């Protein structure tokens, strides 16, 4: 209510369940009618379920994908006709360090973020033909409602030792930041005339991403001979069984 009093017509709070595709399209239409256009679209809705892959139940896995991936997909589909007709706009996808590297307990969360980045990279190339920009923001740990609302799988005793090791590691290494710093970074991002496709937020995350990329490149180089030997060109008629 305070924000509405302060910003009045420049603020339009709307309730939305991003897993409801029809509601997403309706809400976007309402926003466009109110403001006359769209300039910045931020996909930030997300939930987290912690658990070993073997422990996850179908309901939790589908709920997480519905929110983290399909919710963002529906928003993108709903806003693109307006951004395309304007030939301008900037879509911000809040992904995660979990889209760069995955690990025990966070597999299904990372799966949703890997999927989001795969879709977003394709959309960025499609949207640029209409003057629309897209950036994937890859943050590390920020103290938000994501942590207080996360759910957990029913633990299997077999993973007890690994779970204890992870708990110790998280307690020693985990650093959560003030989300207002992320907001400042986003303001710089949207003010840029040439925003990046990806933006990492956080020093620890930046270092982890660089180490991950170096490790992947080292593995690719080590297995280069096998990779190259697995390819042989096939003439088109043979390829299609003609």
Protein backbone atom coordinates (compact mmCIF):
# COMPACT_ATOMS: atom_id res chain seq x y z
CA UNK A 1 0.00 0.00 0.00
CA UNK A 2 2.87 2.38 0.79
CA UNK A 3 4.44 1.81 -2.61
CA UNK A 4 1.10 2.38 -4.34
CA UNK A 5 0.65 5.67 -2.49
CA UNK A 6 4.16 6.78 -3.39
CA UNK A 7 4.19 5.80 -7.06
CA UNK A 8 0.45 5.84 -7.81
CA UNK A 9 -0.20 5.36 -11.55
CA UNK A 10 3.41 4.36 -12.25
CA UNK A 11 2.94 1.20 -10.17
CA UNK A 12 0.44 -1.56 -10.91
CA UNK A 13 0.66 -4.54 -8.50
CA UNK A 14 -0.99 -7.66 -9.91
CA UNK A 15 -1.24 -11.15 -8.45
CA UNK A 16 -0.03 -13.85 -10.81
CA UNK A 17 0.59 -17.58 -10.76
CA UNK A 18 3.10 -18.00 -13.59
CA UNK A 19 2.22 -21.68 -13.97
CA UNK A 20 -1.22 -20.61 -15.27
CA UNK A 21 -0.59 -19.77 -18.94
CA UNK A 22 -3.94 -18.08 -19.52
CA UNK A 23 -3.47 -15.94 -16.41
CA UNK A 24 0.00 -14.91 -17.62
CA UNK A 25 -1.35 -13.70 -20.97
CA UNK A 26 -4.23 -11.88 -19.27
CA UNK A 27 -1.95 -10.19 -16.74
CA UNK A 28 0.49 -9.04 -19.41
CA UNK A 29 -2.42 -7.62 -21.43
CA UNK A 30 -3.64 -5.74 -18.34
CA UNK A 31 -0.17 -4.28 -17.76
CA UNK A 32 0.14 -3.15 -21.38
CA UNK A 33 -3.28 -1.49 -21.28
CA UNK A 34 -2.29 0.36 -18.10
CA UNK A 35 1.19 1.53 -19.15
CA UNK A 36 0.75 1.62 -22.92
CA UNK A 37 3.92 -0.40 -23.58
CA UNK A 38 6.52 -2.75 -22.09
CA UNK A 39 10.18 -1.86 -21.74
CA UNK A 40 11.73 -4.23 -19.20
CA UNK A 41 10.44 -7.73 -18.40
CA UNK A 42 12.03 -9.62 -15.49
CA UNK A 43 11.37 -13.33 -15.02
CA UNK A 44 12.20 -13.81 -11.34
CA UNK A 45 9.59 -16.29 -10.10
CA UNK A 46 11.27 -19.39 -8.73
CA UNK A 47 11.08 -22.16 -6.16
CA UNK A 48 13.65 -24.66 -4.92
CA UNK A 49 13.40 -28.29 -3.89
CA UNK A 50 16.48 -29.81 -2.28
CA UNK A 51 17.08 -33.53 -2.56
CA UNK A 52 19.13 -36.27 -4.14
CA UNK A 53 17.90 -37.24 -7.60
CA UNK A 54 16.79 -40.68 -6.38
CA UNK A 55 14.75 -39.12 -3.58
CA UNK A 56 12.65 -36.70 -5.63
CA UNK A 57 8.96 -37.41 -6.09
CA UNK A 58 7.11 -36.65 -9.31
CA UNK A 59 4.90 -33.96 -7.81
CA UNK A 60 7.80 -31.85 -6.49
CA UNK A 61 9.80 -32.27 -9.70
CA UNK A 62 6.91 -31.20 -11.94
CA UNK A 63 5.95 -28.29 -9.68
CA UNK A 64 9.50 -26.95 -9.80
CA UNK A 65 9.75 -27.22 -13.59
CA UNK A 66 6.30 -25.66 -14.01
CA UNK A 67 7.40 -22.60 -12.04
CA UNK A 68 11.06 -22.15 -12.92
CA UNK A 69 10.95 -23.12 -16.59
CA UNK A 70 7.42 -23.17 -17.99
CA UNK A 71 6.42 -20.06 -16.02
CA UNK A 72 9.21 -18.08 -17.67
CA UNK A 73 8.33 -19.58 -21.05
CA UNK A 74 4.71 -18.45 -20.74
CA UNK A 75 5.79 -14.92 -19.78
CA UNK A 76 8.15 -14.73 -22.76
CA UNK A 77 5.43 -15.93 -25.12
CA UNK A 78 3.00 -13.39 -23.68
CA UNK A 79 5.30 -10.36 -23.93
CA UNK A 80 7.02 -11.05 -27.25
CA UNK A 81 4.14 -9.87 -29.49
CA UNK A 82 4.23 -6.45 -27.77
CA UNK A 83 8.03 -6.16 -27.74
CA UNK A 84 8.18 -7.35 -31.34
CA UNK A 85 5.67 -4.75 -32.51
CA UNK A 86 7.53 -2.03 -30.57
CA UNK A 87 10.84 -3.30 -31.96
CA UNK A 88 12.34 -2.67 -28.54
CA UNK A 89 12.50 -4.05 -25.02
CA UNK A 90 14.75 -6.06 -22.73
CA UNK A 91 13.91 -9.44 -21.19
CA UNK A 92 15.85 -10.29 -18.02
CA UNK A 93 15.90 -13.98 -17.10
CA UNK A 94 16.99 -14.61 -13.52
CA UNK A 95 18.72 -17.97 -13.77
CA UNK A 96 21.39 -19.10 -11.29
CA UNK A 97 24.89 -20.37 -10.71
CA UNK A 98 22.93 -23.62 -10.85
CA UNK A 99 22.68 -23.08 -14.61
CA UNK A 100 26.47 -23.25 -14.86
CA UNK A 101 27.26 -26.09 -12.49
CA UNK A 102 25.11 -28.62 -10.67
CA UNK A 103 25.74 -30.70 -7.59
CA UNK A 104 24.24 -33.10 -5.06
CA UNK A 105 20.88 -32.01 -3.60
CA UNK A 106 20.29 -29.33 -6.24
CA UNK A 107 19.90 -31.49 -9.36
CA UNK A 108 16.27 -30.77 -10.18
CA UNK A 109 16.72 -27.04 -9.47
CA UNK A 110 19.73 -26.94 -11.80
CA UNK A 111 17.77 -28.88 -14.42
CA UNK A 112 15.14 -26.14 -14.47
CA UNK A 113 17.80 -23.43 -14.81
CA UNK A 114 19.72 -25.29 -17.52
CA UNK A 115 16.42 -25.61 -19.41
CA UNK A 116 15.68 -21.91 -18.90
CA UNK A 117 19.07 -20.91 -20.29
CA UNK A 118 18.71 -23.22 -23.30
CA UNK A 119 15.36 -21.68 -24.17
CA UNK A 120 16.61 -18.15 -23.45
CA UNK A 121 19.68 -18.43 -25.67
CA UNK A 122 17.45 -19.44 -28.58
CA UNK A 123 14.96 -16.66 -27.81
CA UNK A 124 17.75 -14.08 -27.67
CA UNK A 125 18.74 -14.95 -31.24
CA UNK A 126 15.12 -14.89 -32.40
CA UNK A 127 14.27 -11.63 -30.63
CA UNK A 128 17.31 -9.66 -31.77
CA UNK A 129 15.82 -9.49 -35.27
CA UNK A 130 13.12 -7.24 -33.80
CA UNK A 131 15.38 -5.04 -31.67
CA UNK A 132 14.55 -6.95 -28.48
CA UNK A 133 17.39 -7.73 -26.06
CA UNK A 134 17.67 -10.61 -23.61
CA UNK A 135 20.06 -11.16 -20.71
CA UNK A 136 20.43 -14.18 -18.47
CA UNK A 137 21.45 -13.07 -14.98
CA UNK A 138 23.32 -15.80 -13.09
CA UNK A 139 23.40 -14.89 -9.38
CA UNK A 140 24.98 -16.72 -6.49
CA UNK A 141 23.51 -16.72 -3.01
CA UNK A 142 21.29 -13.79 -2.05
CA UNK A 143 19.15 -13.81 1.05
CA UNK A 144 15.64 -13.96 -0.41
CA UNK A 145 12.39 -15.86 0.16
CA UNK A 146 13.80 -18.68 -1.99
CA UNK A 147 15.64 -20.04 1.03
CA UNK A 148 12.80 -19.70 3.51
CA UNK A 149 10.26 -21.28 1.15
CA UNK A 150 12.34 -24.18 -0.19
CA UNK A 151 11.12 -27.74 0.24
CA UNK A 152 13.06 -30.94 0.88
CA UNK A 153 12.80 -34.51 -0.36
CA UNK A 154 12.27 -37.42 2.01
CA UNK A 155 15.87 -38.44 2.78
CA UNK A 156 17.14 -41.95 2.11
CA UNK A 157 19.50 -43.37 4.73
CA UNK A 158 21.95 -44.42 2.02
CA UNK A 159 22.81 -40.77 1.37
CA UNK A 160 23.33 -39.88 5.03
CA UNK A 161 27.12 -39.58 4.86
CA UNK A 162 27.02 -37.44 1.71
CA UNK A 163 24.31 -35.26 3.22
CA UNK A 164 26.45 -34.67 6.34
CA UNK A 165 29.46 -33.76 4.20
CA UNK A 166 27.39 -31.27 2.20
CA UNK A 167 25.96 -29.70 5.36
CA UNK A 168 29.49 -29.15 6.68
CA UNK A 169 30.66 -27.74 3.36
CA UNK A 170 27.72 -25.34 3.09
CA UNK A 171 28.20 -24.09 6.65
CA UNK A 172 31.87 -23.35 5.95
CA UNK A 173 31.67 -21.96 2.41
CA UNK A 174 28.20 -20.47 2.06
CA UNK A 175 28.07 -16.68 1.69
CA UNK A 176 24.77 -14.92 1.05
CA UNK A 177 24.66 -11.33 -0.14
CA UNK A 178 22.31 -8.38 0.23
CA UNK A 179 19.80 -8.56 -2.66
CA UNK A 180 19.88 -4.76 -2.96
CA UNK A 181 23.35 -5.15 -4.50
CA UNK A 182 21.85 -7.40 -7.17
CA UNK A 183 19.19 -4.76 -7.80
CA UNK A 184 21.91 -2.14 -8.37
CA UNK A 185 23.59 -4.44 -10.89
CA UNK A 186 20.28 -4.92 -12.72
CA UNK A 187 19.79 -1.16 -12.96
CA UNK A 188 23.21 -0.85 -14.62
CA UNK A 189 22.29 -3.72 -16.92
CA UNK A 190 19.05 -2.21 -18.21
CA UNK A 191 20.74 1.17 -18.67
CA UNK A 192 23.31 -0.36 -21.02
CA UNK A 193 22.97 0.08 -24.77
CA UNK A 194 24.85 -3.16 -25.31
CA UNK A 195 23.86 -5.59 -22.54
CA UNK A 196 25.51 -9.03 -22.37
CA UNK A 197 23.75 -12.30 -23.07
CA UNK A 198 24.88 -13.52 -19.65
CA UNK A 199 25.80 -11.63 -16.48
CA UNK A 200 27.26 -13.33 -13.40
CA UNK A 201 26.52 -11.75 -10.02
CA UNK A 202 28.99 -12.35 -7.20
CA UNK A 203 32.77 -12.80 -6.91
CA UNK A 204 32.58 -16.37 -5.61
CA UNK A 205 30.19 -17.33 -8.40
CA UNK A 206 32.40 -15.65 -10.99
CA UNK A 207 35.44 -17.64 -9.84
CA UNK A 208 33.43 -20.87 -9.74
CA UNK A 209 32.11 -20.27 -13.25
CA UNK A 210 35.60 -19.63 -14.60
CA UNK A 211 36.98 -22.76 -12.91
CA UNK A 212 34.08 -24.80 -14.29
CA UNK A 213 34.68 -23.54 -17.83
CA UNK A 214 38.42 -24.27 -17.60
CA UNK A 215 37.70 -27.81 -16.36
CA UNK A 216 35.28 -28.42 -19.24
CA UNK A 217 37.77 -27.14 -21.79
CA UNK A 218 40.50 -29.36 -20.35
CA UNK A 219 38.23 -32.40 -20.63
CA UNK A 220 37.22 -31.54 -24.19
CA UNK A 221 40.87 -31.18 -25.18
CA UNK A 222 41.81 -34.45 -23.47
CA UNK A 223 39.13 -36.31 -25.44
CA UNK A 224 39.48 -34.32 -28.66
CA UNK A 225 40.75 -37.27 -30.69
CA UNK A 226 37.74 -39.41 -29.75
CA UNK A 227 35.37 -36.52 -30.47
CA UNK A 228 36.79 -35.88 -33.92
CA UNK A 229 37.02 -39.57 -34.84
CA UNK A 230 33.30 -40.03 -34.20
CA UNK A 231 32.34 -37.86 -37.18
CA UNK A 232 32.10 -38.90 -40.81
CA UNK A 233 30.24 -36.99 -43.47
CA UNK A 234 27.38 -38.87 -45.15
CA UNK A 235 26.10 -37.74 -48.58
CA UNK A 236 22.57 -36.39 -48.42
CA UNK A 237 20.86 -39.27 -50.35
CA UNK A 238 22.39 -41.83 -48.00
CA UNK A 239 21.57 -39.74 -44.97
CA UNK A 240 17.88 -39.75 -45.79
CA UNK A 241 17.77 -43.33 -47.04
CA UNK A 242 17.23 -42.35 -50.69
